[in-house]
Amino acid sequence: TYAFEPKSVQSFLRPEVIESLFYLYRATGDRVYQDWGWNMFRAVEAYAKLPKGGYATMQAVDQFPPLPAAKMESFWLAET
């Protein structure tokens, strides 16, 4: 069983996390990494994408729907 204790309820849209899961999938062939990355991508599209363009960081992902913040980190577009 996999478990972890979150240290923050914020999400800063770190594209490296999804990228790392892609590399783990390629290195191991284990589809769980591919599934996790795809689920993260779909969540970003569903909850962080803004209607008029851009993506918002999340200030609270411990509630549903997540509470967006009023900013987008520059690295989100630079690294994706």
PDB file of N, CA and C in Angstrom:
ATOM      1  N   THR A   1       0.836  -1.179   0.000  1.00  0.00           N
ATOM      2  CA  THR A   1       0.000   0.000   0.000  1.00  0.00           C
ATOM      3  C   THR A   1       0.878   1.237   0.000  1.00  0.00           C
ATOM      4  N   TYR A   2       0.504   2.175  -0.843  1.00  0.00           N
ATOM      5  CA  TYR A   2       1.253   3.427  -0.942  1.00  0.00           C
ATOM      6  C   TYR A   2       0.480   4.522  -0.229  1.00  0.00           C
ATOM      7  N   ALA A   3       1.146   5.243   0.656  1.00  0.00           N
ATOM      8  CA  ALA A   3       0.506   6.348   1.368  1.00  0.00           C
ATOM      9  C   ALA A   3       1.526   7.458   1.574  1.00  0.00           C
ATOM     10  N   PHE A   4       1.045   8.672   1.663  1.00  0.00           N
ATOM     11  CA  PHE A   4       1.922   9.801   1.947  1.00  0.00           C
ATOM     12  C   PHE A   4       1.139  10.860   2.706  1.00  0.00           C
ATOM     13  N   GLU A   5       1.861  11.730   3.365  1.00  0.00           N
ATOM     14  CA  GLU A   5       1.255  12.821   4.130  1.00  0.00           C
ATOM     15  C   GLU A   5       1.521  14.128   3.400  1.00  0.00           C
ATOM     16  N   PRO A   6       0.498  14.781   2.850  1.00  0.00           N
ATOM     17  CA  PRO A   6       0.715  16.042   2.141  1.00  0.00           C
ATOM     18  C   PRO A   6       1.229  17.138   3.075  1.00  0.00           C
ATOM     19  N   LYS A   7       2.143  17.942   2.570  1.00  0.00           N
ATOM     20  CA  LYS A   7       2.705  19.052   3.337  1.00  0.00           C
ATOM     21  C   LYS A   7       2.044  20.374   2.986  1.00  0.00           C
ATOM     22  N   SER A   8       1.288  20.408   1.895  1.00  0.00           N
ATOM     23  CA  SER A   8       0.645  21.640   1.446  1.00  0.00           C
ATOM     24  C   SER A   8      -0.614  21.280   0.680  1.00  0.00           C
ATOM     25  N   VAL A   9      -1.573  22.176   0.676  1.00  0.00           N
ATOM     26  CA  VAL A   9      -2.793  21.956  -0.100  1.00  0.00           C
ATOM     27  C   VAL A   9      -2.734  22.723  -1.415  1.00  0.00           C
ATOM     28  N   GLN A  10      -1.607  23.374  -1.705  1.00  0.00           N
ATOM     29  CA  GLN A  10      -1.451  24.144  -2.928  1.00  0.00           C
ATOM     30  C   GLN A  10      -0.887  23.282  -4.047  1.00  0.00           C
ATOM     31  N   SER A  11      -1.182  23.681  -5.278  1.00  0.00           N
ATOM     32  CA  SER A  11      -0.582  23.063  -6.459  1.00  0.00           C
ATOM     33  C   SER A  11      -0.046  24.185  -7.334  1.00  0.00           C
ATOM     34  N   PHE A  12       1.232  24.123  -7.633  1.00  0.00           N
ATOM     35  CA  PHE A  12       1.872  25.173  -8.420  1.00  0.00           C
ATOM     36  C   PHE A  12       2.044  24.783  -9.886  1.00  0.00           C
ATOM     37  N   LEU A  13       1.326  23.737 -10.319  1.00  0.00           N
ATOM     38  CA  LEU A  13       1.400  23.285 -11.712  1.00  0.00           C
ATOM     39  C   LEU A  13       2.831  22.980 -12.120  1.00  0.00           C
ATOM     40  N   ARG A  14       3.473  22.074 -11.418  1.00  0.00           N
ATOM     41  CA  ARG A  14       4.847  21.703 -11.731  1.00  0.00           C
ATOM     42  C   ARG A  14       4.848  20.655 -12.851  1.00  0.00           C
ATOM     43  N   PRO A  15       5.211  21.054 -14.067  1.00  0.00           N
ATOM     44  CA  PRO A  15       5.184  20.092 -15.169  1.00  0.00           C
ATOM     45  C   PRO A  15       6.215  18.978 -15.015  1.00  0.00           C
ATOM     46  N   GLU A  16       7.239  19.205 -14.180  1.00  0.00           N
ATOM     47  CA  GLU A  16       8.273  18.179 -13.983  1.00  0.00           C
ATOM     48  C   GLU A  16       7.706  16.904 -13.390  1.00  0.00           C
ATOM     49  N   VAL A  17       6.645  17.019 -12.623  1.00  0.00           N
ATOM     50  CA  VAL A  17       6.059  15.836 -11.999  1.00  0.00           C
ATOM     51  C   VAL A  17       5.491  14.910 -13.072  1.00  0.00           C
ATOM     52  N   ILE A  18       4.719  15.464 -13.978  1.00  0.00           N
ATOM     53  CA  ILE A  18       4.150  14.657 -15.058  1.00  0.00           C
ATOM     54  C   ILE A  18       5.269  14.121 -15.951  1.00  0.00           C
ATOM     55  N   GLU A  19       6.257  14.952 -16.237  1.00  0.00           N
ATOM     56  CA  GLU A  19       7.396  14.522 -17.053  1.00  0.00           C
ATOM     57  C   GLU A  19       8.148  13.371 -16.378  1.00  0.00           C
ATOM     58  N   SER A  20       8.340  13.452 -15.072  1.00  0.00           N
ATOM     59  CA  SER A  20       9.044  12.389 -14.342  1.00  0.00           C
ATOM     60  C   SER A  20       8.279  11.074 -14.428  1.00  0.00           C
ATOM     61  N   LEU A  21       6.961  11.138 -14.355  1.00  0.00           N
ATOM     62  CA  LEU A  21       6.166   9.919 -14.488  1.00  0.00           C
ATOM     63  C   LEU A  21       6.313   9.311 -15.877  1.00  0.00           C
ATOM     64  N   PHE A  22       6.431  10.162 -16.893  1.00  0.00           N
ATOM     65  CA  PHE A  22       6.658   9.669 -18.253  1.00  0.00           C
ATOM     66  C   PHE A  22       7.990   8.916 -18.327  1.00  0.00           C
ATOM     67  N   TYR A  23       9.043   9.498 -17.748  1.00  0.00           N
ATOM     68  CA  TYR A  23      10.355   8.835 -17.759  1.00  0.00           C
ATOM     69  C   TYR A  23      10.332   7.527 -16.974  1.00  0.00           C
ATOM     70  N   LEU A  24       9.619   7.506 -15.854  1.00  0.00           N
ATOM     71  CA  LEU A  24       9.508   6.261 -15.091  1.00  0.00           C
ATOM     72  C   LEU A  24       8.791   5.194 -15.903  1.00  0.00           C
ATOM     73  N   TYR A  25       7.757   5.588 -16.612  1.00  0.00           N
ATOM     74  CA  TYR A  25       7.061   4.624 -17.469  1.00  0.00           C
ATOM     75  C   TYR A  25       7.993   4.088 -18.548  1.00  0.00           C
ATOM     76  N   ARG A  26       8.728   4.986 -19.205  1.00  0.00           N
ATOM     77  CA  ARG A  26       9.640   4.552 -20.278  1.00  0.00           C
ATOM     78  C   ARG A  26      10.750   3.653 -19.748  1.00  0.00           C
ATOM     79  N   ALA A  27      11.244   3.936 -18.549  1.00  0.00           N
ATOM     80  CA  ALA A  27      12.343   3.149 -17.971  1.00  0.00           C
ATOM     81  C   ALA A  27      11.885   1.786 -17.475  1.00  0.00           C
ATOM     82  N   THR A  28      10.672   1.718 -16.950  1.00  0.00           N
ATOM     83  CA  THR A  28      10.219   0.471 -16.333  1.00  0.00           C
ATOM     84  C   THR A  28       9.192  -0.288 -17.161  1.00  0.00           C
ATOM     85  N   GLY A  29       8.472   0.428 -18.029  1.00  0.00           N
ATOM     86  CA  GLY A  29       7.388  -0.205 -18.772  1.00  0.00           C
ATOM     87  C   GLY A  29       6.147  -0.422 -17.930  1.00  0.00           C
ATOM     88  N   ASP A  30       6.166   0.041 -16.686  1.00  0.00           N
ATOM     89  CA  ASP A  30       5.033  -0.139 -15.778  1.00  0.00           C
ATOM     90  C   ASP A  30       3.951   0.891 -16.105  1.00  0.00           C
ATOM     91  N   ARG A  31       2.799   0.423 -16.542  1.00  0.00           N
ATOM     92  CA  ARG A  31       1.714   1.309 -16.984  1.00  0.00           C
ATOM     93  C   ARG A  31       1.158   2.177 -15.868  1.00  0.00           C
ATOM     94  N   VAL A  32       1.422   1.832 -14.615  1.00  0.00           N
ATOM     95  CA  VAL A  32       0.904   2.647 -13.516  1.00  0.00           C
ATOM     96  C   VAL A  32       1.439   4.077 -13.613  1.00  0.00           C
ATOM     97  N   TYR A  33       2.700   4.253 -14.021  1.00  0.00           N
ATOM     98  CA  TYR A  33       3.270   5.596 -14.159  1.00  0.00           C
ATOM     99  C   TYR A  33       2.610   6.356 -15.308  1.00  0.00           C
ATOM    100  N   GLN A  34       2.334   5.663 -16.377  1.00  0.00           N
ATOM    101  CA  GLN A  34       1.644   6.285 -17.504  1.00  0.00           C
ATOM    102  C   GLN A  34       0.228   6.703 -17.090  1.00  0.00           C
ATOM    103  N   ASP A  35      -0.448   5.848 -16.365  1.00  0.00           N
ATOM    104  CA  ASP A  35      -1.803   6.162 -15.896  1.00  0.00           C
ATOM    105  C   ASP A  35      -1.797   7.349 -14.936  1.00  0.00           C
ATOM    106  N   TRP A  36      -0.846   7.385 -14.008  1.00  0.00           N
ATOM    107  CA  TRP A  36      -0.771   8.500 -13.060  1.00  0.00           C
ATOM    108  C   TRP A  36      -0.526   9.813 -13.799  1.00  0.00           C
ATOM    109  N   GLY A  37       0.398   9.806 -14.745  1.00  0.00           N
ATOM    110  CA  GLY A  37       0.688  11.015 -15.515  1.00  0.00           C
ATOM    111  C   GLY A  37      -0.516  11.477 -16.315  1.00  0.00           C
ATOM    112  N   TRP A  38      -1.195  10.538 -16.948  1.00  0.00           N
ATOM    113  CA  TRP A  38      -2.378  10.885 -17.735  1.00  0.00           C
ATOM    114  C   TRP A  38      -3.488  11.436 -16.839  1.00  0.00           C
ATOM    115  N   ASN A  39      -3.681  10.843 -15.677  1.00  0.00           N
ATOM    116  CA  ASN A  39      -4.683  11.349 -14.735  1.00  0.00           C
ATOM    117  C   ASN A  39      -4.335  12.758 -14.264  1.00  0.00           C
ATOM    118  N   MET A  40      -3.059  13.020 -14.022  1.00  0.00           N
ATOM    119  CA  MET A  40      -2.645  14.365 -13.616  1.00  0.00           C
ATOM    120  C   MET A  40      -2.897  15.362 -14.742  1.00  0.00           C
ATOM    121  N   PHE A  41      -2.563  14.994 -15.970  1.00  0.00           N
ATOM    122  CA  PHE A  41      -2.799  15.876 -17.110  1.00  0.00           C
ATOM    123  C   PHE A  41      -4.283  16.195 -17.253  1.00  0.00           C
ATOM    124  N   ARG A  42      -5.130  15.179 -17.157  1.00  0.00           N
ATOM    125  CA  ARG A  42      -6.577  15.393 -17.277  1.00  0.00           C
ATOM    126  C   ARG A  42      -7.104  16.287 -16.165  1.00  0.00           C
ATOM    127  N   ALA A  43      -6.567  16.147 -14.945  1.00  0.00           N
ATOM    128  CA  ALA A  43      -6.997  16.997 -13.831  1.00  0.00           C
ATOM    129  C   ALA A  43      -6.603  18.452 -14.068  1.00  0.00           C
ATOM    130  N   VAL A  44      -5.406  18.672 -14.604  1.00  0.00           N
ATOM    131  CA  VAL A  44      -4.981  20.039 -14.916  1.00  0.00           C
ATOM    132  C   VAL A  44      -5.916  20.644 -15.958  1.00  0.00           C
ATOM    133  N   GLU A  45      -6.217  19.899 -16.992  1.00  0.00           N
ATOM    134  CA  GLU A  45      -7.122  20.401 -18.025  1.00  0.00           C
ATOM    135  C   GLU A  45      -8.519  20.667 -17.466  1.00  0.00           C
ATOM    136  N   ALA A  46      -8.976  19.836 -16.570  1.00  0.00           N
ATOM    137  CA  ALA A  46     -10.335  19.974 -16.033  1.00  0.00           C
ATOM    138  C   ALA A  46     -10.463  21.102 -15.016  1.00  0.00           C
ATOM    139  N   TYR A  47      -9.425  21.322 -14.192  1.00  0.00           N
ATOM    140  CA  TYR A  47      -9.591  22.240 -13.069  1.00  0.00           C
ATOM    141  C   TYR A  47      -8.704  23.475 -13.114  1.00  0.00           C
ATOM    142  N   ALA A  48      -7.595  23.438 -13.834  1.00  0.00           N
ATOM    143  CA  ALA A  48      -6.682  24.590 -13.834  1.00  0.00           C
ATOM    144  C   ALA A  48      -6.800  25.440 -15.101  1.00  0.00           C
ATOM    145  N   LYS A  49      -7.320  24.871 -16.163  1.00  0.00           N
ATOM    146  CA  LYS A  49      -7.440  25.617 -17.418  1.00  0.00           C
ATOM    147  C   LYS A  49      -8.518  26.686 -17.291  1.00  0.00           C
ATOM    148  N   LEU A  50      -8.171  27.906 -17.698  1.00  0.00           N
ATOM    149  CA  LEU A  50      -9.098  29.033 -17.581  1.00  0.00           C
ATOM    150  C   LEU A  50      -9.864  29.244 -18.882  1.00  0.00           C
ATOM    151  N   PRO A  51     -11.125  29.640 -18.806  1.00  0.00           N
ATOM    152  CA  PRO A  51     -11.962  29.799 -20.000  1.00  0.00           C
ATOM    153  C   PRO A  51     -11.405  30.806 -21.012  1.00  0.00           C
ATOM    154  N   LYS A  52     -10.768  31.855 -20.537  1.00  0.00           N
ATOM    155  CA  LYS A  52     -10.252  32.889 -21.450  1.00  0.00           C
ATOM    156  C   LYS A  52      -8.778  32.701 -21.788  1.00  0.00           C
ATOM    157  N   GLY A  53      -8.193  31.594 -21.392  1.00  0.00           N
ATOM    158  CA  GLY A  53      -6.800  31.291 -21.707  1.00  0.00           C
ATOM    159  C   GLY A  53      -5.929  31.224 -20.473  1.00  0.00           C
ATOM    160  N   GLY A  54      -4.918  30.395 -20.542  1.00  0.00           N
ATOM    161  CA  GLY A  54      -3.996  30.229 -19.427  1.00  0.00           C
ATOM    162  C   GLY A  54      -4.451  29.164 -18.444  1.00  0.00           C
ATOM    163  N   TYR A  55      -3.652  29.008 -17.408  1.00  0.00           N
ATOM    164  CA  TYR A  55      -3.900  28.013 -16.366  1.00  0.00           C
ATOM    165  C   TYR A  55      -3.646  28.652 -15.019  1.00  0.00           C
ATOM    166  N   ALA A  56      -4.468  28.338 -14.041  1.00  0.00           N
ATOM    167  CA  ALA A  56      -4.321  28.898 -12.703  1.00  0.00           C
ATOM    168  C   ALA A  56      -3.677  27.875 -11.774  1.00  0.00           C
ATOM    169  N   THR A  57      -2.797  28.354 -10.900  1.00  0.00           N
ATOM    170  CA  THR A  57      -2.334  27.491  -9.822  1.00  0.00           C
ATOM    171  C   THR A  57      -3.511  27.267  -8.879  1.00  0.00           C
ATOM    172  N   MET A  58      -3.406  26.270  -8.052  1.00  0.00           N
ATOM    173  CA  MET A  58      -4.490  25.968  -7.122  1.00  0.00           C
ATOM    174  C   MET A  58      -4.052  26.307  -5.701  1.00  0.00           C
ATOM    175  N   GLN A  59      -4.906  27.038  -4.993  1.00  0.00           N
ATOM    176  CA  GLN A  59      -4.564  27.356  -3.611  1.00  0.00           C
ATOM    177  C   GLN A  59      -5.116  26.344  -2.623  1.00  0.00           C
ATOM    178  N   ALA A  60      -6.024  25.487  -3.073  1.00  0.00           N
ATOM    179  CA  ALA A  60      -6.567  24.457  -2.177  1.00  0.00           C
ATOM    180  C   ALA A  60      -7.048  23.265  -2.993  1.00  0.00           C
ATOM    181  N   VAL A  61      -6.254  22.194  -2.990  1.00  0.00           N
ATOM    182  CA  VAL A  61      -6.652  20.980  -3.705  1.00  0.00           C
ATOM    183  C   VAL A  61      -7.290  19.956  -2.776  1.00  0.00           C
ATOM    184  N   ASP A  62      -7.462  20.350  -1.521  1.00  0.00           N
ATOM    185  CA  ASP A  62      -8.073  19.436  -0.558  1.00  0.00           C
ATOM    186  C   ASP A  62      -9.592  19.595  -0.486  1.00  0.00           C
ATOM    187  N   GLN A  63     -10.152  20.333  -1.419  1.00  0.00           N
ATOM    188  CA  GLN A  63     -11.597  20.475  -1.508  1.00  0.00           C
ATOM    189  C   GLN A  63     -12.022  20.266  -2.957  1.00  0.00           C
ATOM    190  N   PHE A  64     -13.292  19.988  -3.155  1.00  0.00           N
ATOM    191  CA  PHE A  64     -13.776  19.757  -4.509  1.00  0.00           C
ATOM    192  C   PHE A  64     -14.935  20.678  -4.804  1.00  0.00           C
ATOM    193  N   PRO A  65     -14.884  21.397  -5.906  1.00  0.00           N
ATOM    194  CA  PRO A  65     -13.742  21.465  -6.825  1.00  0.00           C
ATOM    195  C   PRO A  65     -12.584  22.240  -6.198  1.00  0.00           C
ATOM    196  N   PRO A  66     -11.365  22.041  -6.712  1.00  0.00           N
ATOM    197  CA  PRO A  66     -10.202  22.742  -6.156  1.00  0.00           C
ATOM    198  C   PRO A  66     -10.373  24.254  -6.266  1.00  0.00           C
ATOM    199  N   LEU A  67      -9.806  24.970  -5.314  1.00  0.00           N
ATOM    200  CA  LEU A  67      -9.915  26.427  -5.291  1.00  0.00           C
ATOM    201  C   LEU A  67      -8.743  27.040  -6.045  1.00  0.00           C
ATOM    202  N   PRO A  68      -9.013  27.699  -7.187  1.00  0.00           N
ATOM    203  CA  PRO A  68      -7.909  28.270  -7.972  1.00  0.00           C
ATOM    204  C   PRO A  68      -7.358  29.548  -7.340  1.00  0.00           C
ATOM    205  N   ALA A  69      -6.092  29.808  -7.598  1.00  0.00           N
ATOM    206  CA  ALA A  69      -5.455  31.057  -7.201  1.00  0.00           C
ATOM    207  C   ALA A  69      -5.503  32.013  -8.393  1.00  0.00           C
ATOM    208  N   ALA A  70      -5.187  33.256  -8.161  1.00  0.00           N
ATOM    209  CA  ALA A  70      -5.260  34.269  -9.217  1.00  0.00           C
ATOM    210  C   ALA A  70      -3.903  34.487  -9.873  1.00  0.00           C
ATOM    211  N   LYS A  71      -3.208  33.396 -10.198  1.00  0.00           N
ATOM    212  CA  LYS A  71      -1.924  33.537 -10.880  1.00  0.00           C
ATOM    213  C   LYS A  71      -1.583  32.267 -11.643  1.00  0.00           C
ATOM    214  N   MET A  72      -0.680  32.434 -12.603  1.00  0.00           N
ATOM    215  CA  MET A  72      -0.137  31.314 -13.353  1.00  0.00           C
ATOM    216  C   MET A  72       1.380  31.458 -13.330  1.00  0.00           C
ATOM    217  N   GLU A  73       2.065  30.426 -12.909  1.00  0.00           N
ATOM    218  CA  GLU A  73       3.527  30.454 -12.885  1.00  0.00           C
ATOM    219  C   GLU A  73       4.058  30.444 -14.315  1.00  0.00           C
ATOM    220  N   SER A  74       5.096  31.235 -14.576  1.00  0.00           N
ATOM    221  CA  SER A  74       5.645  31.331 -15.933  1.00  0.00           C
ATOM    222  C   SER A  74       6.220  30.004 -16.410  1.00  0.00           C
ATOM    223  N   PHE A  75       6.736  29.199 -15.486  1.00  0.00           N
ATOM    224  CA  PHE A  75       7.342  27.929 -15.904  1.00  0.00           C
ATOM    225  C   PHE A  75       6.311  26.965 -16.471  1.00  0.00           C
ATOM    226  N   TRP A  76       5.037  27.161 -16.159  1.00  0.00           N
ATOM    227  CA  TRP A  76       4.012  26.241 -16.680  1.00  0.00           C
ATOM    228  C   TRP A  76       4.030  26.248 -18.213  1.00  0.00           C
ATOM    229  N   LEU A  77       4.087  27.416 -18.828  1.00  0.00           N
ATOM    230  CA  LEU A  77       4.129  27.479 -20.293  1.00  0.00           C
ATOM    231  C   LEU A  77       5.530  27.274 -20.831  1.00  0.00           C
ATOM    232  N   ALA A  78       6.533  27.694 -20.084  1.00  0.00           N
ATOM    233  CA  ALA A  78       7.920  27.579 -20.550  1.00  0.00           C
ATOM    234  C   ALA A  78       8.382  26.127 -20.605  1.00  0.00           C
ATOM    235  N   GLU A  79       7.875  25.291 -19.731  1.00  0.00           N
ATOM    236  CA  GLU A  79       8.377  23.910 -19.616  1.00  0.00           C
ATOM    237  C   GLU A  79       7.431  22.874 -20.189  1.00  0.00           C
ATOM    238  N   THR A  80       6.282  23.295 -20.690  1.00  0.00           N
ATOM    239  CA  THR A  80       5.351  22.286 -21.207  1.00  0.00           C
ATOM    240  C   THR A  80       5.303  22.341 -22.718  1.00  0.00           C
TER     241      THR A  80
END
